[in-house]
Amino acid sequence: MMTKADAVEETYREMEKIIGGLVECYAIPHTRMCMRWSKPTRKAYREEVVGWLEDYGKSFRRLPKKSLPGREDLPAFARRLLDAQIAAILKGGNPEVERSYAHLFG
């Protein structure tokens, strides 16, 4: 049986995996679906991807405020991971977003 600390640690790892795949599995497909008939700028395309991520980020309020000693709680941890993804996208540093834009409009 898993201890409470092990369960929380496993949840941190799962959250890293979810946030890591969110751009490619959630935000890009939705952005492509919504923008394929227009010719947005790269900036507008990136901002639309970020908009989908922000919508997903609203669900963090449902995460339990569990934490391990010395670590931030799960909602804060998820938000920090999402913010890092968003910063990279807005700077043009996410290869999947840039590739998706080029594929559709390049």
Protein backbone atom coordinates (compact mmCIF):
# COMPACT_ATOMS: atom_id res chain seq x y z
CA MET A 1 0.00 0.00 0.00
CA MET A 2 1.20 3.48 -0.88
CA THR A 3 1.89 5.92 1.94
CA LYS A 4 0.38 9.39 1.84
CA ALA A 5 3.80 10.91 1.07
CA ASP A 6 4.33 8.42 -1.78
CA ALA A 7 0.89 9.22 -3.18
CA VAL A 8 1.58 12.95 -3.13
CA GLU A 9 5.00 12.44 -4.73
CA GLU A 10 3.40 10.33 -7.47
CA THR A 11 0.89 13.11 -8.06
CA TYR A 12 3.72 15.64 -8.52
CA ARG A 13 5.27 13.33 -11.14
CA GLU A 14 1.93 12.86 -12.90
CA MET A 15 1.41 16.62 -12.98
CA GLU A 16 4.83 17.13 -14.58
CA LYS A 17 3.91 14.61 -17.26
CA ILE A 18 0.48 16.14 -17.89
CA ILE A 19 1.80 19.71 -18.15
CA GLY A 20 4.70 18.51 -20.30
CA GLY A 21 2.31 17.04 -22.87
CA LEU A 22 -0.40 19.66 -22.65
CA VAL A 23 0.89 21.91 -25.44
CA GLU A 24 1.11 19.14 -27.99
CA CYS A 25 -1.95 17.11 -26.97
CA TYR A 26 -4.38 19.88 -26.03
CA ALA A 27 -3.45 23.45 -26.89
CA ILE A 28 -2.03 23.00 -30.41
CA PRO A 29 -4.89 20.83 -31.72
CA HIS A 30 -7.46 23.30 -30.41
CA THR A 31 -5.55 26.26 -31.83
CA ARG A 32 -5.24 24.60 -35.24
CA MET A 33 -8.94 23.79 -35.24
CA CYS A 34 -9.87 27.40 -34.49
CA MET A 35 -7.34 29.24 -36.66
CA ARG A 36 -6.89 27.15 -39.81
CA TRP A 37 -9.16 29.38 -41.90
CA SER A 38 -7.37 32.58 -41.00
CA LYS A 39 -3.78 33.69 -41.53
CA PRO A 40 -2.74 34.75 -38.03
CA THR A 41 0.65 36.18 -37.25
CA ARG A 42 3.05 33.96 -35.34
CA LYS A 43 2.41 36.13 -32.30
CA ALA A 44 -1.37 35.70 -32.59
CA TYR A 45 -0.96 31.95 -33.05
CA ARG A 46 1.25 31.71 -29.96
CA GLU A 47 -1.23 33.78 -27.97
CA GLU A 48 -4.07 31.46 -29.00
CA VAL A 49 -2.06 28.44 -27.82
CA VAL A 50 -1.46 30.25 -24.53
CA GLY A 51 -5.18 31.03 -24.29
CA TRP A 52 -5.99 27.32 -24.40
CA LEU A 53 -3.35 26.65 -21.75
CA GLU A 54 -4.81 29.37 -19.53
CA ASP A 55 -8.25 27.80 -19.92
CA TYR A 56 -6.79 24.49 -18.77
CA GLY A 57 -5.03 26.27 -15.91
CA LYS A 58 -8.41 27.25 -14.48
CA SER A 59 -8.87 23.61 -13.53
CA PHE A 60 -6.00 23.83 -11.04
CA ARG A 61 -8.44 25.19 -8.46
CA ARG A 62 -9.79 21.62 -8.27
CA LEU A 63 -6.43 20.13 -7.30
CA PRO A 64 -6.02 19.22 -3.64
CA LYS A 65 -3.77 21.56 -1.71
CA LYS A 66 -1.52 18.69 -0.72
CA SER A 67 2.21 19.13 -0.43
CA LEU A 68 5.31 17.52 0.92
CA PRO A 69 7.57 19.25 3.43
CA GLY A 70 9.59 21.93 1.72
CA ARG A 71 7.55 21.83 -1.51
CA GLU A 72 4.80 24.01 -2.86
CA ASP A 73 1.26 22.66 -2.89
CA LEU A 74 -0.04 20.92 -6.01
CA PRO A 75 -2.00 23.88 -7.46
CA ALA A 76 1.03 26.18 -7.08
CA PHE A 77 3.31 23.51 -8.53
CA ALA A 78 1.04 23.03 -11.55
CA ARG A 79 0.77 26.78 -12.09
CA ARG A 80 4.56 27.17 -12.00
CA LEU A 81 5.00 24.43 -14.60
CA LEU A 82 2.31 25.96 -16.81
CA ASP A 83 3.84 29.44 -16.49
CA ALA A 84 7.19 28.06 -17.68
CA GLN A 85 5.49 26.54 -20.75
CA ILE A 86 3.70 29.82 -21.47
CA ALA A 87 6.88 31.89 -21.19
CA ALA A 88 8.67 29.63 -23.66
CA ILE A 89 5.79 29.78 -26.14
CA LEU A 90 5.51 33.56 -26.03
CA LYS A 91 9.26 33.87 -26.70
CA GLY A 92 9.03 31.48 -29.67
CA GLY A 93 10.93 28.82 -27.76
CA ASN A 94 8.50 25.93 -28.07
CA PRO A 95 9.45 23.87 -31.13
CA GLU A 96 6.06 22.13 -31.36
CA VAL A 97 4.19 25.44 -31.55
CA GLU A 98 6.60 26.87 -34.10
CA ARG A 99 6.42 23.69 -36.21
CA SER A 100 2.63 23.69 -36.06
CA TYR A 101 2.45 27.30 -37.25
CA ALA A 102 4.89 26.63 -40.07
CA HIS A 103 2.95 23.53 -41.14
CA LEU A 104 -0.33 25.42 -41.35
CA PHE A 105 0.81 28.78 -42.64
CA GLY A 106 4.46 28.51 -43.71
